Amino acid sequence: MFEQDYVMRLIKEMVRAILKLLFHIDTESPTVELLENKEENDFSRDEIKLGLENVSDSFGLSRIAKMFLTDF
């Protein structure tokens, strides 16, 4: 159980670092801020996914993005 908690903390911190670098969002719960802004922008899930793929390709991070953007 300790290992799972540790891995979840690492994942949370990695996501937080990526959001801080790419979107300049620095909060304890970044998902709340992103969900609040979703209603203003009205982007579909596919449009957001395509945008993230394009940004990751331009920075040479397409392999990492594919890992996070795959549908299970």
Protein backbone atom coordinates (compact mmCIF):
# COMPACT_ATOMS: atom_id res chain seq x y z
CA MET A 1 0.00 0.00 0.00
CA PHE A 2 2.85 2.37 0.73
CA GLU A 3 4.29 1.78 -2.74
CA GLN A 4 0.97 2.64 -4.37
CA ASP A 5 0.69 5.87 -2.38
CA TYR A 6 4.23 6.81 -3.32
CA VAL A 7 3.61 6.16 -7.02
CA MET A 8 0.39 8.19 -6.93
CA ARG A 9 2.22 11.11 -5.31
CA LEU A 10 4.92 10.92 -7.99
CA ILE A 11 2.31 10.92 -10.75
CA LYS A 12 0.49 13.86 -9.17
CA GLU A 13 3.71 15.87 -8.90
CA MET A 14 4.70 15.06 -12.50
CA VAL A 15 1.32 16.19 -13.79
CA ARG A 16 1.55 19.32 -11.66
CA ALA A 17 5.01 20.10 -13.07
CA ILE A 18 3.83 19.62 -16.65
CA LEU A 19 0.81 21.87 -16.09
CA LYS A 20 3.02 24.50 -14.49
CA LEU A 21 5.47 24.47 -17.39
CA LEU A 22 2.97 24.33 -20.24
CA PHE A 23 -0.05 26.21 -18.93
CA HIS A 24 1.39 28.29 -16.06
CA ILE A 25 -1.09 26.69 -13.64
CA ASP A 26 0.31 26.35 -10.13
CA THR A 27 -2.30 25.18 -7.64
CA GLU A 28 -2.71 22.26 -5.29
CA SER A 29 -5.60 20.89 -7.35
CA PRO A 30 -5.06 21.97 -10.96
CA THR A 31 -8.02 19.96 -12.22
CA VAL A 32 -10.44 22.36 -10.52
CA GLU A 33 -8.92 25.31 -12.35
CA LEU A 34 -8.97 23.46 -15.67
CA LEU A 35 -12.59 22.39 -15.23
CA GLU A 36 -13.66 25.95 -14.43
CA ASN A 37 -12.05 27.21 -17.64
CA LYS A 38 -13.54 24.40 -19.78
CA GLU A 39 -16.97 25.96 -19.69
CA GLU A 40 -15.57 29.26 -20.97
CA ASN A 41 -13.69 27.73 -23.91
CA ASP A 42 -16.17 24.99 -24.88
CA PHE A 43 -13.55 22.69 -26.43
CA SER A 44 -14.42 19.06 -27.05
CA ARG A 45 -12.31 16.26 -25.62
CA ASP A 46 -11.01 15.37 -29.11
CA GLU A 47 -9.97 18.99 -29.78
CA ILE A 48 -8.04 19.12 -26.51
CA LYS A 49 -6.36 15.79 -27.26
CA LEU A 50 -5.37 16.97 -30.76
CA GLY A 51 -3.98 20.21 -29.35
CA LEU A 52 -1.89 18.37 -26.77
CA GLU A 53 -0.56 16.03 -29.45
CA ASN A 54 0.42 18.99 -31.65
CA VAL A 55 2.20 20.77 -28.81
CA SER A 56 4.03 17.63 -27.75
CA ASP A 57 5.13 16.97 -31.35
CA SER A 58 6.56 20.46 -31.66
CA PHE A 59 8.64 19.95 -28.50
CA GLY A 60 9.69 16.41 -29.44
CA LEU A 61 7.69 14.82 -26.63
CA SER A 62 5.27 12.78 -28.72
CA ARG A 63 6.19 9.45 -27.10
CA ILE A 64 5.44 10.78 -23.64
CA ALA A 65 2.19 12.36 -24.81
CA LYS A 66 1.02 9.11 -26.42
CA MET A 67 1.49 7.37 -23.09
CA PHE A 68 -0.85 9.85 -21.36
CA LEU A 69 -3.34 10.34 -24.21
CA THR A 70 -4.14 6.72 -25.05
CA ASP A 71 -7.69 5.54 -24.49
CA PHE A 72 -7.90 2.40 -22.41
